[in-house]
Amino acid sequence: MDESAKKNQDVIRRFAWEIASISVHLEELRHFWAKTLGISGPQWMMIVALADLDQGDGAPVNAVSKMLHVDPSFVTTQSKLLEKKGFIRRKPSSEDARIVKMSLTDKTYKHLASLAAQQESLNEFIFAEFSAGEIDELTGKLASLKKRLEKACLKVAVDF
């Protein structure tokens, strides 16, 4: 391997470690926010996903599982626990009774609203060194990288 290729591999390796570290810190933040509701980090992520996905009629289990990269059975199990705690509602779809649609309760929306100022302040701190354009550009590049990684996972699965 020539020097340029070796240096490139070192940069890629360092990048991967930085992303792994960012993931750990994001997980810590998720657990902090979840704790305010008395739920787990993955349950918090389900609530956040529902807040993003629900356009007024609820979001189907498969849409939430796809967004969170988890099995639909995990979403079903966890959503039933969240329903018992009064954080979400589950109902069969009016178009297809096999599809369960989930939505947040008023209680959950009020709690999210009470946390909004803290989250906004934290986001301002985290992204203080970035302009809105830089954040948008970085997000676009990360989304592109995510797509390439998804394809790479498929390629590795086929090749091995």
C-alpha atoms as a PDB file:
ATOM      1  CA  MET A   1       0.000   0.000   0.000  1.00  0.00           C
ATOM      2  CA  ASP A   2       1.492   3.356  -0.962  1.00  0.00           C
ATOM      3  CA  GLU A   3       1.867   6.235   1.533  1.00  0.00           C
ATOM      4  CA  SER A   4      -1.137   8.186   0.236  1.00  0.00           C
ATOM      5  CA  ALA A   5      -3.471   5.182   0.495  1.00  0.00           C
ATOM      6  CA  LYS A   6      -2.159   4.410   3.980  1.00  0.00           C
ATOM      7  CA  LYS A   7      -2.751   8.005   5.102  1.00  0.00           C
ATOM      8  CA  ASN A   8      -6.280   7.836   3.653  1.00  0.00           C
ATOM      9  CA  GLN A   9      -6.974   4.632   5.610  1.00  0.00           C
ATOM     10  CA  ASP A  10      -5.727   6.323   8.797  1.00  0.00           C
ATOM     11  CA  VAL A  11      -8.074   9.265   8.216  1.00  0.00           C
ATOM     12  CA  ILE A  12     -11.001   6.909   7.592  1.00  0.00           C
ATOM     13  CA  ARG A  13     -10.181   4.938  10.739  1.00  0.00           C
ATOM     14  CA  ARG A  14      -9.980   8.152  12.802  1.00  0.00           C
ATOM     15  CA  PHE A  15     -13.287   9.324  11.285  1.00  0.00           C
ATOM     16  CA  ALA A  16     -14.951   6.032  12.254  1.00  0.00           C
ATOM     17  CA  TRP A  17     -13.723   6.400  15.855  1.00  0.00           C
ATOM     18  CA  GLU A  18     -15.030   9.966  16.033  1.00  0.00           C
ATOM     19  CA  ILE A  19     -18.438   8.821  14.773  1.00  0.00           C
ATOM     20  CA  ALA A  20     -18.458   5.988  17.339  1.00  0.00           C
ATOM     21  CA  SER A  21     -17.638   8.476  20.092  1.00  0.00           C
ATOM     22  CA  ILE A  22     -20.391  10.838  18.922  1.00  0.00           C
ATOM     23  CA  SER A  23     -22.814   7.910  19.017  1.00  0.00           C
ATOM     24  CA  VAL A  24     -21.885   7.170  22.642  1.00  0.00           C
ATOM     25  CA  HIS A  25     -22.469  10.787  23.642  1.00  0.00           C
ATOM     26  CA  LEU A  26     -25.794  10.922  21.812  1.00  0.00           C
ATOM     27  CA  GLU A  27     -26.814   7.766  23.662  1.00  0.00           C
ATOM     28  CA  GLU A  28     -25.948   9.436  26.974  1.00  0.00           C
ATOM     29  CA  LEU A  29     -28.114  12.423  26.056  1.00  0.00           C
ATOM     30  CA  ARG A  30     -31.005  10.111  25.058  1.00  0.00           C
ATOM     31  CA  HIS A  31     -30.807   8.406  28.440  1.00  0.00           C
ATOM     32  CA  PHE A  32     -30.832  11.791  30.178  1.00  0.00           C
ATOM     33  CA  TRP A  33     -33.987  12.902  28.335  1.00  0.00           C
ATOM     34  CA  ALA A  34     -35.606   9.484  28.833  1.00  0.00           C
ATOM     35  CA  LYS A  35     -34.946   9.659  32.562  1.00  0.00           C
ATOM     36  CA  THR A  36     -37.048  12.830  32.781  1.00  0.00           C
ATOM     37  CA  LEU A  37     -40.022  10.694  31.687  1.00  0.00           C
ATOM     38  CA  GLY A  38     -39.033   7.577  33.609  1.00  0.00           C
ATOM     39  CA  ILE A  39     -38.543   5.516  30.447  1.00  0.00           C
ATOM     40  CA  SER A  40     -35.635   3.858  28.618  1.00  0.00           C
ATOM     41  CA  GLY A  41     -33.443   5.447  25.934  1.00  0.00           C
ATOM     42  CA  PRO A  42     -34.993   3.352  23.130  1.00  0.00           C
ATOM     43  CA  GLN A  43     -38.486   4.292  24.359  1.00  0.00           C
ATOM     44  CA  TRP A  44     -37.434   7.951  24.268  1.00  0.00           C
ATOM     45  CA  MET A  45     -36.305   7.471  20.667  1.00  0.00           C
ATOM     46  CA  MET A  46     -39.705   5.997  19.806  1.00  0.00           C
ATOM     47  CA  ILE A  47     -41.395   9.087  21.227  1.00  0.00           C
ATOM     48  CA  VAL A  48     -39.080  11.382  19.266  1.00  0.00           C
ATOM     49  CA  ALA A  49     -39.671   9.335  16.098  1.00  0.00           C
ATOM     50  CA  LEU A  50     -43.442   9.538  16.585  1.00  0.00           C
ATOM     51  CA  ALA A  51     -43.212  13.304  17.100  1.00  0.00           C
ATOM     52  CA  ASP A  52     -41.436  13.518  13.721  1.00  0.00           C
ATOM     53  CA  LEU A  53     -43.485  10.942  11.805  1.00  0.00           C
ATOM     54  CA  ASP A  54     -47.068  11.535  12.967  1.00  0.00           C
ATOM     55  CA  GLN A  55     -48.866  13.829  10.536  1.00  0.00           C
ATOM     56  CA  GLY A  56     -52.134  13.765  12.488  1.00  0.00           C
ATOM     57  CA  ASP A  57     -53.375  10.217  11.913  1.00  0.00           C
ATOM     58  CA  GLY A  58     -50.620   8.371  13.763  1.00  0.00           C
ATOM     59  CA  ALA A  59     -47.549   6.618  12.428  1.00  0.00           C
ATOM     60  CA  PRO A  60     -47.465   2.906  11.577  1.00  0.00           C
ATOM     61  CA  VAL A  61     -45.239   0.558  13.547  1.00  0.00           C
ATOM     62  CA  ASN A  62     -43.185  -0.292  10.438  1.00  0.00           C
ATOM     63  CA  ALA A  63     -42.382   3.392   9.781  1.00  0.00           C
ATOM     64  CA  VAL A  64     -41.098   3.817  13.348  1.00  0.00           C
ATOM     65  CA  SER A  65     -39.084   0.583  13.170  1.00  0.00           C
ATOM     66  CA  LYS A  66     -37.523   1.682   9.878  1.00  0.00           C
ATOM     67  CA  MET A  67     -36.589   5.090  11.272  1.00  0.00           C
ATOM     68  CA  LEU A  68     -35.019   3.527  14.381  1.00  0.00           C
ATOM     69  CA  HIS A  69     -33.405   0.608  12.498  1.00  0.00           C
ATOM     70  CA  VAL A  70     -35.050  -1.969  14.769  1.00  0.00           C
ATOM     71  CA  ASP A  71     -37.377  -4.927  14.251  1.00  0.00           C
ATOM     72  CA  PRO A  72     -41.107  -4.083  14.181  1.00  0.00           C
ATOM     73  CA  SER A  73     -41.697  -6.575  17.023  1.00  0.00           C
ATOM     74  CA  PHE A  74     -39.436  -4.427  19.251  1.00  0.00           C
ATOM     75  CA  VAL A  75     -41.518  -1.338  18.440  1.00  0.00           C
ATOM     76  CA  THR A  76     -44.725  -3.272  19.132  1.00  0.00           C
ATOM     77  CA  THR A  77     -43.492  -4.485  22.525  1.00  0.00           C
ATOM     78  CA  GLN A  78     -42.119  -1.124  23.607  1.00  0.00           C
ATOM     79  CA  SER A  79     -45.128   0.820  22.327  1.00  0.00           C
ATOM     80  CA  LYS A  80     -47.436  -1.342  24.450  1.00  0.00           C
ATOM     81  CA  LEU A  81     -45.333  -0.453  27.516  1.00  0.00           C
ATOM     82  CA  LEU A  82     -45.467   3.235  26.590  1.00  0.00           C
ATOM     83  CA  GLU A  83     -49.224   2.966  26.078  1.00  0.00           C
ATOM     84  CA  LYS A  84     -49.641   1.535  29.605  1.00  0.00           C
ATOM     85  CA  LYS A  85     -47.709   4.530  30.957  1.00  0.00           C
ATOM     86  CA  GLY A  86     -49.982   6.922  29.059  1.00  0.00           C
ATOM     87  CA  PHE A  87     -47.340   8.251  26.650  1.00  0.00           C
ATOM     88  CA  ILE A  88     -48.750   6.941  23.362  1.00  0.00           C
ATOM     89  CA  ARG A  89     -51.987   5.704  21.825  1.00  0.00           C
ATOM     90  CA  ARG A  90     -52.190   2.654  19.581  1.00  0.00           C
ATOM     91  CA  LYS A  91     -55.072   2.025  17.193  1.00  0.00           C
ATOM     92  CA  PRO A  92     -55.715  -0.079  14.103  1.00  0.00           C
ATOM     93  CA  SER A  93     -55.483   1.786  10.811  1.00  0.00           C
ATOM     94  CA  SER A  94     -58.848   2.725   9.301  1.00  0.00           C
ATOM     95  CA  GLU A  95     -57.584   1.497   5.887  1.00  0.00           C
ATOM     96  CA  ASP A  96     -56.088  -1.821   7.048  1.00  0.00           C
ATOM     97  CA  ALA A  97     -56.808  -3.268  10.502  1.00  0.00           C
ATOM     98  CA  ARG A  98     -53.556  -5.277  10.364  1.00  0.00           C
ATOM     99  CA  ILE A  99     -51.609  -2.022  10.589  1.00  0.00           C
ATOM    100  CA  VAL A 100     -51.297  -0.393  14.005  1.00  0.00           C
ATOM    101  CA  LYS A 101     -50.878   3.370  14.063  1.00  0.00           C
ATOM    102  CA  MET A 102     -49.334   5.092  17.051  1.00  0.00           C
ATOM    103  CA  SER A 103     -49.550   8.676  18.223  1.00  0.00           C
ATOM    104  CA  LEU A 104     -48.391  10.681  21.197  1.00  0.00           C
ATOM    105  CA  THR A 105     -50.801  11.621  23.974  1.00  0.00           C
ATOM    106  CA  ASP A 106     -51.424  15.193  25.112  1.00  0.00           C
ATOM    107  CA  LYS A 107     -49.472  14.341  28.272  1.00  0.00           C
ATOM    108  CA  THR A 108     -46.424  13.515  26.142  1.00  0.00           C
ATOM    109  CA  TYR A 109     -46.734  16.612  23.972  1.00  0.00           C
ATOM    110  CA  LYS A 110     -46.894  18.769  27.117  1.00  0.00           C
ATOM    111  CA  HIS A 111     -43.794  17.087  28.504  1.00  0.00           C
ATOM    112  CA  LEU A 112     -41.909  17.542  25.234  1.00  0.00           C
ATOM    113  CA  ALA A 113     -42.943  21.212  25.176  1.00  0.00           C
ATOM    114  CA  SER A 114     -41.625  21.654  28.732  1.00  0.00           C
ATOM    115  CA  LEU A 115     -38.240  20.269  27.626  1.00  0.00           C
ATOM    116  CA  ALA A 116     -38.044  22.280  24.398  1.00  0.00           C
ATOM    117  CA  ALA A 117     -36.176  25.274  25.872  1.00  0.00           C
ATOM    118  CA  GLN A 118     -33.566  23.016  27.505  1.00  0.00           C
ATOM    119  CA  GLN A 119     -33.087  21.049  24.294  1.00  0.00           C
ATOM    120  CA  GLU A 120     -32.816  24.213  22.218  1.00  0.00           C
ATOM    121  CA  SER A 121     -30.202  25.640  24.593  1.00  0.00           C
ATOM    122  CA  LEU A 122     -28.236  22.401  24.504  1.00  0.00           C
ATOM    123  CA  ASN A 123     -28.363  22.285  20.691  1.00  0.00           C
ATOM    124  CA  GLU A 124     -27.094  25.871  20.528  1.00  0.00           C
ATOM    125  CA  PHE A 125     -24.179  24.874  22.769  1.00  0.00           C
ATOM    126  CA  ILE A 126     -23.389  21.711  20.798  1.00  0.00           C
ATOM    127  CA  PHE A 127     -23.523  23.398  17.385  1.00  0.00           C
ATOM    128  CA  ALA A 128     -22.090  26.801  18.408  1.00  0.00           C
ATOM    129  CA  GLU A 129     -19.154  26.478  15.985  1.00  0.00           C
ATOM    130  CA  PHE A 130     -21.386  25.750  12.983  1.00  0.00           C
ATOM    131  CA  SER A 131     -23.519  28.054  10.850  1.00  0.00           C
ATOM    132  CA  ALA A 132     -26.941  26.822   9.746  1.00  0.00           C
ATOM    133  CA  GLY A 133     -25.492  26.246   6.263  1.00  0.00           C
ATOM    134  CA  GLU A 134     -22.597  24.210   7.643  1.00  0.00           C
ATOM    135  CA  ILE A 135     -24.964  22.065   9.705  1.00  0.00           C
ATOM    136  CA  ASP A 136     -27.114  21.514   6.629  1.00  0.00           C
ATOM    137  CA  GLU A 137     -24.089  20.598   4.511  1.00  0.00           C
ATOM    138  CA  LEU A 138     -22.719  18.235   7.179  1.00  0.00           C
ATOM    139  CA  THR A 139     -26.139  16.606   7.560  1.00  0.00           C
ATOM    140  CA  GLY A 140     -26.331  16.071   3.804  1.00  0.00           C
ATOM    141  CA  LYS A 141     -22.883  14.492   3.711  1.00  0.00           C
ATOM    142  CA  LEU A 142     -23.712  12.240   6.673  1.00  0.00           C
ATOM    143  CA  ALA A 143     -26.964  11.184   4.980  1.00  0.00           C
ATOM    144  CA  SER A 144     -24.981  10.318   1.853  1.00  0.00           C
ATOM    145  CA  LEU A 145     -22.472   8.382   3.953  1.00  0.00           C
ATOM    146  CA  LYS A 146     -25.323   6.520   5.678  1.00  0.00           C
ATOM    147  CA  LYS A 147     -26.690   5.417   2.290  1.00  0.00           C
ATOM    148  CA  ARG A 148     -23.233   4.204   1.228  1.00  0.00           C
ATOM    149  CA  LEU A 149     -22.859   2.314   4.527  1.00  0.00           C
ATOM    150  CA  GLU A 150     -26.269   0.662   4.021  1.00  0.00           C
ATOM    151  CA  LYS A 151     -25.124  -0.483   0.572  1.00  0.00           C
ATOM    152  CA  ALA A 152     -21.794  -1.637   2.003  1.00  0.00           C
ATOM    153  CA  CYS A 153     -23.620  -3.757   4.601  1.00  0.00           C
ATOM    154  CA  LEU A 154     -25.631  -5.408   1.833  1.00  0.00           C
ATOM    155  CA  LYS A 155     -22.446  -5.984  -0.181  1.00  0.00           C
ATOM    156  CA  VAL A 156     -20.646  -7.535   2.792  1.00  0.00           C
ATOM    157  CA  ALA A 157     -23.651  -9.773   3.521  1.00  0.00           C
ATOM    158  CA  VAL A 158     -23.645 -11.032  -0.057  1.00  0.00           C
ATOM    159  CA  ASP A 159     -19.858 -11.417  -0.309  1.00  0.00           C
ATOM    160  CA  PHE A 160     -19.453 -13.379   2.932  1.00  0.00           C
END
